Amino acid sequence: MAVVGFWVANVLIGVGLFFAFAMAVGMLRFPDAYTRLHAGTKGLTVGAGMILAGIALRAPDAAFALRVVLVGVFLVITNPIAIHAVARANYRAERARRRLVVDDYGEYLERKRNA
């Protein structure tokens, strides 16, 4: 059973590294801030989650594994919220607004201002 856990942990870490690499490529290749933020969010949330799951499986004791799982839960909860705040600040700074094809948030803000 220890051998299976070892290989499952290594596969999880490998998949997490793939997502981290894909995140780096996406951050370099995507054309605008919003798609780059999307790549960063998915890469960090899934990549770090997989890596932390692999580390938790290879943990020497349960207390260490619990701490690793808590760090993973913290990342999964806070990363999308932080990236949403960055995207909203970018939108309000009007840096990428003219390139948007659909602007539902702008319509919402306009309705809110007029109400």
PDB file of N, CA and C in Angstrom:
ATOM      1  N   MET A   1       0.823  -1.195   0.000  1.00  0.00           N
ATOM      2  CA  MET A   1       0.000   0.000   0.000  1.00  0.00           C
ATOM      3  C   MET A   1       0.863   1.254   0.000  1.00  0.00           C
ATOM      4  N   ALA A   2       2.004   1.203   0.655  1.00  0.00           N
ATOM      5  CA  ALA A   2       2.879   2.373   0.703  1.00  0.00           C
ATOM      6  C   ALA A   2       3.412   2.710  -0.684  1.00  0.00           C
ATOM      7  N   VAL A   3       3.627   1.684  -1.496  1.00  0.00           N
ATOM      8  CA  VAL A   3       4.128   1.918  -2.852  1.00  0.00           C
ATOM      9  C   VAL A   3       3.069   2.626  -3.690  1.00  0.00           C
ATOM     10  N   VAL A   4       1.813   2.220  -3.547  1.00  0.00           N
ATOM     11  CA  VAL A   4       0.727   2.857  -4.299  1.00  0.00           C
ATOM     12  C   VAL A   4       0.586   4.318  -3.871  1.00  0.00           C
ATOM     13  N   GLY A   5       0.620   4.582  -2.580  1.00  0.00           N
ATOM     14  CA  GLY A   5       0.539   5.960  -2.092  1.00  0.00           C
ATOM     15  C   GLY A   5       1.693   6.811  -2.590  1.00  0.00           C
ATOM     16  N   PHE A   6       2.873   6.216  -2.654  1.00  0.00           N
ATOM     17  CA  PHE A   6       4.043   6.926  -3.166  1.00  0.00           C
ATOM     18  C   PHE A   6       3.828   7.333  -4.617  1.00  0.00           C
ATOM     19  N   TRP A   7       3.336   6.405  -5.428  1.00  0.00           N
ATOM     20  CA  TRP A   7       3.134   6.718  -6.850  1.00  0.00           C
ATOM     21  C   TRP A   7       1.960   7.668  -7.073  1.00  0.00           C
ATOM     22  N   VAL A   8       0.911   7.529  -6.299  1.00  0.00           N
ATOM     23  CA  VAL A   8      -0.215   8.465  -6.419  1.00  0.00           C
ATOM     24  C   VAL A   8       0.246   9.871  -6.046  1.00  0.00           C
ATOM     25  N   ALA A   9       1.034   9.987  -4.988  1.00  0.00           N
ATOM     26  CA  ALA A   9       1.553  11.296  -4.585  1.00  0.00           C
ATOM     27  C   ALA A   9       2.438  11.885  -5.677  1.00  0.00           C
ATOM     28  N   ASN A  10       3.286  11.065  -6.274  1.00  0.00           N
ATOM     29  CA  ASN A  10       4.157  11.559  -7.341  1.00  0.00           C
ATOM     30  C   ASN A  10       3.362  11.980  -8.567  1.00  0.00           C
ATOM     31  N   VAL A  11       2.306  11.249  -8.897  1.00  0.00           N
ATOM     32  CA  VAL A  11       1.464  11.636 -10.034  1.00  0.00           C
ATOM     33  C   VAL A  11       0.762  12.958  -9.743  1.00  0.00           C
ATOM     34  N   LEU A  12       0.244  13.126  -8.535  1.00  0.00           N
ATOM     35  CA  LEU A  12      -0.399  14.393  -8.170  1.00  0.00           C
ATOM     36  C   LEU A  12       0.579  15.561  -8.257  1.00  0.00           C
ATOM     37  N   ILE A  13       1.784  15.358  -7.779  1.00  0.00           N
ATOM     38  CA  ILE A  13       2.791  16.416  -7.858  1.00  0.00           C
ATOM     39  C   ILE A  13       3.136  16.709  -9.315  1.00  0.00           C
ATOM     40  N   GLY A  14       3.250  15.675 -10.138  1.00  0.00           N
ATOM     41  CA  GLY A  14       3.532  15.876 -11.562  1.00  0.00           C
ATOM     42  C   GLY A  14       2.424  16.629 -12.273  1.00  0.00           C
ATOM     43  N   VAL A  15       1.175  16.285 -11.982  1.00  0.00           N
ATOM     44  CA  VAL A  15       0.039  16.998 -12.587  1.00  0.00           C
ATOM     45  C   VAL A  15       0.030  18.452 -12.111  1.00  0.00           C
ATOM     46  N   GLY A  16       0.323  18.676 -10.853  1.00  0.00           N
ATOM     47  CA  GLY A  16       0.401  20.042 -10.338  1.00  0.00           C
ATOM     48  C   GLY A  16       1.499  20.845 -11.015  1.00  0.00           C
ATOM     49  N   LEU A  17       2.641  20.211 -11.269  1.00  0.00           N
ATOM     50  CA  LEU A  17       3.716  20.897 -11.988  1.00  0.00           C
ATOM     51  C   LEU A  17       3.312  21.218 -13.417  1.00  0.00           C
ATOM     52  N   PHE A  18       2.554  20.314 -14.056  1.00  0.00           N
ATOM     53  CA  PHE A  18       2.054  20.598 -15.402  1.00  0.00           C
ATOM     54  C   PHE A  18       1.156  21.831 -15.395  1.00  0.00           C
ATOM     55  N   PHE A  19       0.246  21.919 -14.427  1.00  0.00           N
ATOM     56  CA  PHE A  19      -0.628  23.089 -14.344  1.00  0.00           C
ATOM     57  C   PHE A  19       0.167  24.361 -14.049  1.00  0.00           C
ATOM     58  N   ALA A  20       1.201  24.262 -13.229  1.00  0.00           N
ATOM     59  CA  ALA A  20       2.037  25.433 -12.959  1.00  0.00           C
ATOM     60  C   ALA A  20       2.768  25.874 -14.225  1.00  0.00           C
ATOM     61  N   PHE A  21       3.252  24.913 -15.000  1.00  0.00           N
ATOM     62  CA  PHE A  21       3.911  25.249 -16.267  1.00  0.00           C
ATOM     63  C   PHE A  21       2.918  25.858 -17.246  1.00  0.00           C
ATOM     64  N   ALA A  22       1.715  25.287 -17.326  1.00  0.00           N
ATOM     65  CA  ALA A  22       0.683  25.840 -18.211  1.00  0.00           C
ATOM     66  C   ALA A  22       0.307  27.250 -17.778  1.00  0.00           C
ATOM     67  N   MET A  23       0.295  27.502 -16.479  1.00  0.00           N
ATOM     68  CA  MET A  23       0.015  28.847 -15.984  1.00  0.00           C
ATOM     69  C   MET A  23       1.089  29.814 -16.454  1.00  0.00           C
ATOM     70  N   ALA A  24       2.338  29.417 -16.359  1.00  0.00           N
ATOM     71  CA  ALA A  24       3.427  30.301 -16.786  1.00  0.00           C
ATOM     72  C   ALA A  24       3.348  30.590 -18.281  1.00  0.00           C
ATOM     73  N   VAL A  25       3.055  29.572 -19.075  1.00  0.00           N
ATOM     74  CA  VAL A  25       2.915  29.774 -20.519  1.00  0.00           C
ATOM     75  C   VAL A  25       1.733  30.691 -20.806  1.00  0.00           C
ATOM     76  N   GLY A  26       0.621  30.484 -20.130  1.00  0.00           N
ATOM     77  CA  GLY A  26      -0.549  31.333 -20.324  1.00  0.00           C
ATOM     78  C   GLY A  26      -0.294  32.774 -19.935  1.00  0.00           C
ATOM     79  N   MET A  27       0.443  32.974 -18.863  1.00  0.00           N
ATOM     80  CA  MET A  27       0.754  34.344 -18.443  1.00  0.00           C
ATOM     81  C   MET A  27       1.617  35.057 -19.476  1.00  0.00           C
ATOM     82  N   LEU A  28       2.442  34.311 -20.176  1.00  0.00           N
ATOM     83  CA  LEU A  28       3.298  34.922 -21.194  1.00  0.00           C
ATOM     84  C   LEU A  28       2.601  35.076 -22.540  1.00  0.00           C
ATOM     85  N   ARG A  29       1.710  34.151 -22.879  1.00  0.00           N
ATOM     86  CA  ARG A  29       1.167  34.109 -24.231  1.00  0.00           C
ATOM     87  C   ARG A  29      -0.188  34.783 -24.408  1.00  0.00           C
ATOM     88  N   PHE A  30      -0.993  34.856 -23.369  1.00  0.00           N
ATOM     89  CA  PHE A  30      -2.333  35.416 -23.545  1.00  0.00           C
ATOM     90  C   PHE A  30      -2.263  36.922 -23.791  1.00  0.00           C
ATOM     91  N   PRO A  31      -3.219  37.452 -24.574  1.00  0.00           N
ATOM     92  CA  PRO A  31      -3.084  38.824 -25.062  1.00  0.00           C
ATOM     93  C   PRO A  31      -3.464  39.928 -24.077  1.00  0.00           C
ATOM     94  N   ASP A  32      -4.388  39.683 -23.176  1.00  0.00           N
ATOM     95  CA  ASP A  32      -4.834  40.786 -22.322  1.00  0.00           C
ATOM     96  C   ASP A  32      -4.823  40.374 -20.851  1.00  0.00           C
ATOM     97  N   ALA A  33      -5.106  41.350 -20.012  1.00  0.00           N
ATOM     98  CA  ALA A  33      -5.000  41.139 -18.569  1.00  0.00           C
ATOM     99  C   ALA A  33      -5.997  40.112 -18.057  1.00  0.00           C
ATOM    100  N   TYR A  34      -7.197  40.092 -18.608  1.00  0.00           N
ATOM    101  CA  TYR A  34      -8.229  39.195 -18.082  1.00  0.00           C
ATOM    102  C   TYR A  34      -7.920  37.733 -18.376  1.00  0.00           C
ATOM    103  N   THR A  35      -7.445  37.429 -19.561  1.00  0.00           N
ATOM    104  CA  THR A  35      -7.098  36.036 -19.856  1.00  0.00           C
ATOM    105  C   THR A  35      -5.845  35.625 -19.092  1.00  0.00           C
ATOM    106  N   ARG A  36      -4.949  36.553 -18.855  1.00  0.00           N
ATOM    107  CA  ARG A  36      -3.775  36.239 -18.033  1.00  0.00           C
ATOM    108  C   ARG A  36      -4.179  35.970 -16.590  1.00  0.00           C
ATOM    109  N   LEU A  37      -5.111  36.761 -16.087  1.00  0.00           N
ATOM    110  CA  LEU A  37      -5.609  36.512 -14.734  1.00  0.00           C
ATOM    111  C   LEU A  37      -6.300  35.157 -14.645  1.00  0.00           C
ATOM    112  N   HIS A  38      -7.034  34.792 -15.699  1.00  0.00           N
ATOM    113  CA  HIS A  38      -7.698  33.494 -15.734  1.00  0.00           C
ATOM    114  C   HIS A  38      -6.666  32.372 -15.673  1.00  0.00           C
ATOM    115  N   ALA A  39      -5.613  32.495 -16.476  1.00  0.00           N
ATOM    116  CA  ALA A  39      -4.565  31.473 -16.465  1.00  0.00           C
ATOM    117  C   ALA A  39      -3.903  31.391 -15.095  1.00  0.00           C
ATOM    118  N   GLY A  40      -3.652  32.537 -14.493  1.00  0.00           N
ATOM    119  CA  GLY A  40      -3.026  32.538 -13.178  1.00  0.00           C
ATOM    120  C   GLY A  40      -3.898  31.935 -12.102  1.00  0.00           C
ATOM    121  N   THR A  41      -5.189  32.220 -12.175  1.00  0.00           N
ATOM    122  CA  THR A  41      -6.111  31.679 -11.178  1.00  0.00           C
ATOM    123  C   THR A  41      -6.202  30.167 -11.279  1.00  0.00           C
ATOM    124  N   LYS A  42      -6.440  29.678 -12.487  1.00  0.00           N
ATOM    125  CA  LYS A  42      -6.577  28.229 -12.653  1.00  0.00           C
ATOM    126  C   LYS A  42      -5.270  27.517 -12.347  1.00  0.00           C
ATOM    127  N   GLY A  43      -4.175  28.077 -12.823  1.00  0.00           N
ATOM    128  CA  GLY A  43      -2.884  27.434 -12.595  1.00  0.00           C
ATOM    129  C   GLY A  43      -2.518  27.355 -11.134  1.00  0.00           C
ATOM    130  N   LEU A  44      -2.741  28.440 -10.415  1.00  0.00           N
ATOM    131  CA  LEU A  44      -2.386  28.436  -9.001  1.00  0.00           C
ATOM    132  C   LEU A  44      -3.343  27.578  -8.187  1.00  0.00           C
ATOM    133  N   THR A  45      -4.630  27.713  -8.437  1.00  0.00           N
ATOM    134  CA  THR A  45      -5.598  26.964  -7.642  1.00  0.00           C
ATOM    135  C   THR A  45      -5.457  25.464  -7.870  1.00  0.00           C
ATOM    136  N   VAL A  46      -5.474  25.043  -9.119  1.00  0.00           N
ATOM    137  CA  VAL A  46      -5.401  23.607  -9.413  1.00  0.00           C
ATOM    138  C   VAL A  46      -3.981  23.084  -9.227  1.00  0.00           C
ATOM    139  N   GLY A  47      -2.994  23.813  -9.746  1.00  0.00           N
ATOM    140  CA  GLY A  47      -1.612  23.352  -9.650  1.00  0.00           C
ATOM    141  C   GLY A  47      -1.135  23.226  -8.218  1.00  0.00           C
ATOM    142  N   ALA A  48      -1.325  24.282  -7.451  1.00  0.00           N
ATOM    143  CA  ALA A  48      -0.897  24.228  -6.051  1.00  0.00           C
ATOM    144  C   ALA A  48      -1.727  23.219  -5.266  1.00  0.00           C
ATOM    145  N   GLY A  49      -3.010  23.108  -5.597  1.00  0.00           N
ATOM    146  CA  GLY A  49      -3.847  22.116  -4.920  1.00  0.00           C
ATOM    147  C   GLY A  49      -3.358  20.697  -5.147  1.00  0.00           C
ATOM    148  N   MET A  50      -3.003  20.390  -6.385  1.00  0.00           N
ATOM    149  CA  MET A  50      -2.482  19.047  -6.693  1.00  0.00           C
ATOM    150  C   MET A  50      -1.140  18.805  -6.008  1.00  0.00           C
ATOM    151  N   ILE A  51      -0.260  19.793  -6.067  1.00  0.00           N
ATOM    152  CA  ILE A  51       1.048  19.633  -5.427  1.00  0.00           C
ATOM    153  C   ILE A  51       0.884  19.444  -3.921  1.00  0.00           C
ATOM    154  N   LEU A  52       0.026  20.238  -3.312  1.00  0.00           N
ATOM    155  CA  LEU A  52      -0.190  20.101  -1.868  1.00  0.00           C
ATOM    156  C   LEU A  52      -0.854  18.773  -1.516  1.00  0.00           C
ATOM    157  N   ALA A  53      -1.746  18.286  -2.389  1.00  0.00           N
ATOM    158  CA  ALA A  53      -2.348  16.967  -2.142  1.00  0.00           C
ATOM    159  C   ALA A  53      -1.280  15.880  -2.196  1.00  0.00           C
ATOM    160  N   GLY A  54      -0.371  15.983  -3.155  1.00  0.00           N
ATOM    161  CA  GLY A  54       0.723  15.018  -3.233  1.00  0.00           C
ATOM    162  C   GLY A  54       1.631  15.085  -2.020  1.00  0.00           C
ATOM    163  N   ILE A  55       1.920  16.287  -1.568  1.00  0.00           N
ATOM    164  CA  ILE A  55       2.761  16.442  -0.377  1.00  0.00           C
ATOM    165  C   ILE A  55       2.047  15.880   0.850  1.00  0.00           C
ATOM    166  N   ALA A  56       0.734  16.105   0.943  1.00  0.00           N
ATOM    167  CA  ALA A  56      -0.018  15.581   2.091  1.00  0.00           C
ATOM    168  C   ALA A  56       0.007  14.054   2.106  1.00  0.00           C
ATOM    169  N   LEU A  57      -0.048  13.435   0.921  1.00  0.00           N
ATOM    170  CA  LEU A  57       0.014  11.969   0.879  1.00  0.00           C
ATOM    171  C   LEU A  57       1.385  11.441   1.286  1.00  0.00           C
ATOM    172  N   ARG A  58       2.412  12.216   1.048  1.00  0.00           N
ATOM    173  CA  ARG A  58       3.767  11.777   1.396  1.00  0.00           C
ATOM    174  C   ARG A  58       4.218  12.305   2.752  1.00  0.00           C
ATOM    175  N   ALA A  59       3.317  12.921   3.491  1.00  0.00           N
ATOM    176  CA  ALA A  59       3.670  13.529   4.779  1.00  0.00           C
ATOM    177  C   ALA A  59       4.131  12.466   5.768  1.00  0.00           C
ATOM    178  N   PRO A  60       5.106  12.819   6.589  1.00  0.00           N
ATOM    179  CA  PRO A  60       5.602  11.844   7.561  1.00  0.00           C
ATOM    180  C   PRO A  60       4.627  11.554   8.694  1.00  0.00           C
ATOM    181  N   ASP A  61       3.759  12.516   9.028  1.00  0.00           N
ATOM    182  CA  ASP A  61       2.779  12.278  10.084  1.00  0.00           C
ATOM    183  C   ASP A  61       1.487  13.026   9.776  1.00  0.00           C
ATOM    184  N   ALA A  62       0.451  12.718  10.524  1.00  0.00           N
ATOM    185  CA  ALA A  62      -0.880  13.276  10.262  1.00  0.00           C
ATOM    186  C   ALA A  62      -0.949  14.769  10.557  1.00  0.00           C
ATOM    187  N   ALA A  63      -0.204  15.245  11.533  1.00  0.00           N
ATOM    188  CA  ALA A  63      -0.239  16.674  11.862  1.00  0.00           C
ATOM    189  C   ALA A  63       0.306  17.511  10.708  1.00  0.00           C
ATOM    190  N   PHE A  64       1.387  17.050  10.103  1.00  0.00           N
ATOM    191  CA  PHE A  64       1.953  17.761   8.954  1.00  0.00           C
ATOM    192  C   PHE A  64       0.986  17.716   7.776  1.00  0.00           C
ATOM    193  N   ALA A  65       0.376  16.569   7.539  1.00  0.00           N
ATOM    194  CA  ALA A  65      -0.589  16.441   6.443  1.00  0.00           C
ATOM    195  C   ALA A  65      -1.784  17.363   6.660  1.00  0.00           C
ATOM    196  N   LEU A  66      -2.245  17.481   7.893  1.00  0.00           N
ATOM    197  CA  LEU A  66      -3.364  18.376   8.192  1.00  0.00           C
ATOM    198  C   LEU A  66      -2.999  19.829   7.909  1.00  0.00           C
ATOM    199  N   ARG A  67      -1.790  20.229   8.275  1.00  0.00           N
ATOM    200  CA  ARG A  67      -1.350  21.600   7.981  1.00  0.00           C
ATOM    201  C   ARG A  67      -1.269  21.852   6.483  1.00  0.00           C
ATOM    202  N   VAL A  68      -0.797  20.885   5.730  1.00  0.00           N
ATOM    203  CA  VAL A  68      -0.716  21.032   4.275  1.00  0.00           C
ATOM    204  C   VAL A  68      -2.116  21.145   3.683  1.00  0.00           C
ATOM    205  N   VAL A  69      -3.050  20.351   4.167  1.00  0.00           N
ATOM    206  CA  VAL A  69      -4.433  20.422   3.682  1.00  0.00           C
ATOM    207  C   VAL A  69      -5.046  21.778   4.026  1.00  0.00           C
ATOM    208  N   LEU A  70      -4.778  22.298   5.201  1.00  0.00           N
ATOM    209  CA  LEU A  70      -5.298  23.619   5.574  1.00  0.00           C
ATOM    210  C   LEU A  70      -4.732  24.719   4.679  1.00  0.00           C
ATOM    211  N   VAL A  71      -3.463  24.625   4.330  1.00  0.00           N
ATOM    212  CA  VAL A  71      -2.880  25.588   3.390  1.00  0.00           C
ATOM    213  C   VAL A  71      -3.573  25.481   2.039  1.00  0.00           C
ATOM    214  N   GLY A  72      -3.844  24.259   1.589  1.00  0.00           N
ATOM    215  CA  GLY A  72      -4.546  24.066   0.324  1.00  0.00           C
ATOM    216  C   GLY A  72      -5.946  24.646   0.342  1.00  0.00           C
ATOM    217  N   VAL A  73      -6.667  24.432   1.420  1.00  0.00           N
ATOM    218  CA  VAL A  73      -8.017  24.998   1.541  1.00  0.00           C
ATOM    219  C   VAL A  73      -7.949  26.522   1.541  1.00  0.00           C
ATOM    220  N   PHE A  74      -6.980  27.080   2.238  1.00  0.00           N
ATOM    221  CA  PHE A  74      -6.807  28.531   2.258  1.00  0.00           C
ATOM    222  C   PHE A  74      -6.549  29.071   0.851  1.00  0.00           C
ATOM    223  N   LEU A  75      -5.693  28.400   0.088  1.00  0.00           N
ATOM    224  CA  LEU A  75      -5.418  28.832  -1.290  1.00  0.00           C
ATOM    225  C   LEU A  75      -6.653  28.731  -2.172  1.00  0.00           C
ATOM    226  N   VAL A  76      -7.382  27.645  -2.047  1.00  0.00           N
ATOM    227  CA  VAL A  76      -8.571  27.448  -2.885  1.00  0.00           C
ATOM    228  C   VAL A  76      -9.632  28.502  -2.577  1.00  0.00           C
ATOM    229  N   ILE A  77      -9.725  28.927  -1.337  1.00  0.00           N
ATOM    230  CA  ILE A  77     -10.728  29.934  -0.972  1.00  0.00           C
ATOM    231  C   ILE A  77     -10.259  31.345  -1.331  1.00  0.00           C
ATOM    232  N   THR A  78      -9.024  31.683  -1.015  1.00  0.00           N
ATOM    233  CA  THR A  78      -8.590  33.074  -1.156  1.00  0.00           C
ATOM    234  C   THR A  78      -8.100  33.448  -2.543  1.00  0.00           C
ATOM    235  N   ASN A  79      -7.539  32.524  -3.302  1.00  0.00           N
ATOM    236  CA  ASN A  79      -6.989  32.881  -4.609  1.00  0.00           C
ATOM    237  C   ASN A  79      -8.043  33.423  -5.571  1.00  0.00           C
ATOM    238  N   PRO A  80      -9.185  32.770  -5.770  1.00  0.00           N
ATOM    239  CA  PRO A  80     -10.180  33.354  -6.679  1.00  0.00           C
ATOM    240  C   PRO A  80     -10.707  34.709  -6.204  1.00  0.00           C
ATOM    241  N   ILE A  81     -10.827  34.888  -4.900  1.00  0.00           N
ATOM    242  CA  ILE A  81     -11.302  36.169  -4.379  1.00  0.00           C
ATOM    243  C   ILE A  81     -10.281  37.264  -4.666  1.00  0.00           C
ATOM    244  N   ALA A  82      -9.016  36.980  -4.453  1.00  0.00           N
ATOM    245  CA  ALA A  82      -7.972  37.974  -4.706  1.00  0.00           C
ATOM    246  C   ALA A  82      -7.882  38.316  -6.188  1.00  0.00           C
ATOM    247  N   ILE A  83      -7.959  37.319  -7.050  1.00  0.00           N
ATOM    248  CA  ILE A  83      -7.878  37.576  -8.488  1.00  0.00           C
ATOM    249  C   ILE A  83      -9.107  38.350  -8.956  1.00  0.00           C
ATOM    250  N   HIS A  84     -10.265  38.082  -8.367  1.00  0.00           N
ATOM    251  CA  HIS A  84     -11.460  38.849  -8.712  1.00  0.00           C
ATOM    252  C   HIS A  84     -11.270  40.320  -8.345  1.00  0.00           C
ATOM    253  N   ALA A  85     -10.680  40.577  -7.197  1.00  0.00           N
ATOM    254  CA  ALA A  85     -10.431  41.963  -6.789  1.00  0.00           C
ATOM    255  C   ALA A  85      -9.447  42.643  -7.735  1.00  0.00           C
ATOM    256  N   VAL A  86      -8.429  41.928  -8.185  1.00  0.00           N
ATOM    257  CA  VAL A  86      -7.468  42.497  -9.134  1.00  0.00           C
ATOM    258  C   VAL A  86      -8.146  42.790 -10.467  1.00  0.00           C
ATOM    259  N   ALA A  87      -8.984  41.867 -10.940  1.00  0.00           N
ATOM    260  CA  ALA A  87      -9.688  42.083 -12.210  1.00  0.00           C
ATOM    261  C   ALA A  87     -10.649  43.260 -12.108  1.00  0.00           C
ATOM    262  N   ARG A  88     -11.318  43.384 -11.001  1.00  0.00           N
ATOM    263  CA  ARG A  88     -12.250  44.501 -10.816  1.00  0.00           C
ATOM    264  C   ARG A  88     -11.507  45.832 -10.767  1.00  0.00           C
ATOM    265  N   ALA A  89     -10.366  45.863 -10.100  1.00  0.00           N
ATOM    266  CA  ALA A  89      -9.560  47.083 -10.069  1.00  0.00           C
ATOM    267  C   ALA A  89      -9.042  47.424 -11.459  1.00  0.00           C
ATOM    268  N   ASN A  90      -8.665  46.412 -12.220  1.00  0.00           N
ATOM    269  CA  ASN A  90      -8.215  46.636 -13.595  1.00  0.00           C
ATOM    270  C   ASN A  90      -9.352  47.200 -14.440  1.00  0.00           C
ATOM    271  N   TYR A  91     -10.548  46.685 -14.256  1.00  0.00           N
ATOM    272  CA  TYR A  91     -11.693  47.186 -15.013  1.00  0.00           C
ATOM    273  C   TYR A  91     -11.988  48.637 -14.647  1.00  0.00           C
ATOM    274  N   ARG A  92     -11.988  48.924 -13.375  1.00  0.00           N
ATOM    275  CA  ARG A  92     -12.310  50.291 -12.938  1.00  0.00           C
ATOM    276  C   ARG A  92     -11.227  51.287 -13.325  1.00  0.00           C
ATOM    277  N   ALA A  93     -10.004  50.826 -13.536  1.00  0.00           N
ATOM    278  CA  ALA A  93      -8.934  51.709 -14.005  1.00  0.00           C
ATOM    279  C   ALA A  93      -9.046  51.968 -15.504  1.00  0.00           C
ATOM    280  N   GLU A  94      -9.984  51.302 -16.171  1.00  0.00           N
ATOM    281  CA  GLU A  94     -10.286  51.470 -17.593  1.00  0.00           C
ATOM    282  C   GLU A  94      -9.096  51.153 -18.492  1.00  0.00           C
ATOM    283  N   ARG A  95      -8.265  50.233 -18.093  1.00  0.00           N
ATOM    284  CA  ARG A  95      -7.110  49.885 -18.915  1.00  0.00           C
ATOM    285  C   ARG A  95      -7.475  48.964 -20.064  1.00  0.00           C
ATOM    286  N   ALA A  96      -8.333  48.011 -19.822  1.00  0.00           N
ATOM    287  CA  ALA A  96      -8.644  47.032 -20.859  1.00  0.00           C
ATOM    288  C   ALA A  96     -10.101  47.093 -21.287  1.00  0.00           C
ATOM    289  N   ARG A  97     -10.814  48.105 -20.882  1.00  0.00           N
ATOM    290  CA  ARG A  97     -12.252  48.151 -21.121  1.00  0.00           C
ATOM    291  C   ARG A  97     -12.596  48.281 -22.602  1.00  0.00           C
ATOM    292  N   ARG A  98     -11.811  49.000 -23.373  1.00  0.00           N
ATOM    293  CA  ARG A  98     -12.160  49.226 -24.778  1.00  0.00           C
ATOM    294  C   ARG A  98     -12.030  47.961 -25.622  1.00  0.00           C
ATOM    295  N   ARG A  99     -11.296  46.964 -25.165  1.00  0.00           N
ATOM    296  CA  ARG A  99     -11.117  45.731 -25.929  1.00  0.00           C
ATOM    297  C   ARG A  99     -12.167  44.674 -25.608  1.00  0.00           C
ATOM    298  N   LEU A 100     -13.052  44.941 -24.664  1.00  0.00           N
ATOM    299  CA  LEU A 100     -14.059  43.957 -24.281  1.00  0.00           C
ATOM    300  C   LEU A 100     -15.125  43.838 -25.359  1.00  0.00           C
ATOM    301  N   VAL A 101     -15.527  42.626 -25.654  1.00  0.00           N
ATOM    302  CA  VAL A 101     -16.598  42.387 -26.619  1.00  0.00           C
ATOM    303  C   VAL A 101     -17.946  42.487 -25.914  1.00  0.00           C
ATOM    304  N   VAL A 102     -18.067  41.860 -24.765  1.00  0.00           N
ATOM    305  CA  VAL A 102     -19.280  41.910 -23.946  1.00  0.00           C
ATOM    306  C   VAL A 102     -18.904  42.585 -22.632  1.00  0.00           C
ATOM    307  N   ASP A 103     -19.693  43.575 -22.238  1.00  0.00           N
ATOM    308  CA  ASP A 103     -19.375  44.341 -21.039  1.00  0.00           C
ATOM    309  C   ASP A 103     -20.587  44.372 -20.106  1.00  0.00           C
ATOM    310  N   ASP A 104     -20.923  43.234 -19.531  1.00  0.00           N
ATOM    311  CA  ASP A 104     -22.061  43.155 -18.614  1.00  0.00           C
ATOM    312  C   ASP A 104     -21.821  43.971 -17.346  1.00  0.00           C
ATOM    313  N   TYR A 105     -20.608  43.983 -16.868  1.00  0.00           N
ATOM    314  CA  TYR A 105     -20.317  44.724 -15.641  1.00  0.00           C
ATOM    315  C   TYR A 105     -20.484  46.225 -15.859  1.00  0.00           C
ATOM    316  N   GLY A 106     -20.098  46.714 -17.031  1.00  0.00           N
ATOM    317  CA  GLY A 106     -20.297  48.130 -17.342  1.00  0.00           C
ATOM    318  C   GLY A 106     -21.764  48.503 -17.375  1.00  0.00           C
ATOM    319  N   GLU A 107     -22.588  47.627 -17.951  1.00  0.00           N
ATOM    320  CA  GLU A 107     -24.034  47.867 -17.962  1.00  0.00           C
ATOM    321  C   GLU A 107     -24.591  47.858 -16.540  1.00  0.00           C
ATOM    322  N   TYR A 108     -24.114  46.959 -15.715  1.00  0.00           N
ATOM    323  CA  TYR A 108     -24.548  46.897 -14.318  1.00  0.00           C
ATOM    324  C   TYR A 108     -24.173  48.184 -13.574  1.00  0.00           C
ATOM    325  N   LEU A 109     -22.945  48.647 -13.772  1.00  0.00           N
ATOM    326  CA  LEU A 109     -22.523  49.879 -13.106  1.00  0.00           C
ATOM    327  C   LEU A 109     -23.328  51.080 -13.587  1.00  0.00           C
ATOM    328  N   GLU A 110     -23.661  51.100 -14.871  1.00  0.00           N
ATOM    329  CA  GLU A 110     -24.464  52.201 -15.415  1.00  0.00           C
ATOM    330  C   GLU A 110     -25.865  52.203 -14.799  1.00  0.00           C
ATOM    331  N   ARG A 111     -26.480  51.020 -14.701  1.00  0.00           N
ATOM    332  CA  ARG A 111     -27.806  50.919 -14.069  1.00  0.00           C
ATOM    333  C   ARG A 111     -27.737  51.330 -12.602  1.00  0.00           C
ATOM    334  N   LYS A 112     -26.674  50.953 -11.935  1.00  0.00           N
ATOM    335  CA  LYS A 112     -26.516  51.283 -10.522  1.00  0.00           C
ATOM    336  C   LYS A 112     -26.352  52.798 -10.335  1.00  0.00           C
ATOM    337  N   ARG A 113     -25.612  53.441 -11.236  1.00  0.00           N
ATOM    338  CA  ARG A 113     -25.435  54.894 -11.159  1.00  0.00           C
ATOM    339  C   ARG A 113     -26.740  55.637 -11.409  1.00  0.00           C
ATOM    340  N   ASN A 114     -27.545  55.134 -12.338  1.00  0.00           N
ATOM    341  CA  ASN A 114     -28.790  55.805 -12.707  1.00  0.00           C
ATOM    342  C   ASN A 114     -29.930  55.534 -11.731  1.00  0.00           C
ATOM    343  N   ALA A 115     -29.790  54.544 -10.880  1.00  0.00           N
ATOM    344  CA  ALA A 115     -30.879  54.188  -9.957  1.00  0.00           C
ATOM    345  C   ALA A 115     -30.935  55.092  -8.761  1.00  0.00           C
TER     346      ALA A 115
END
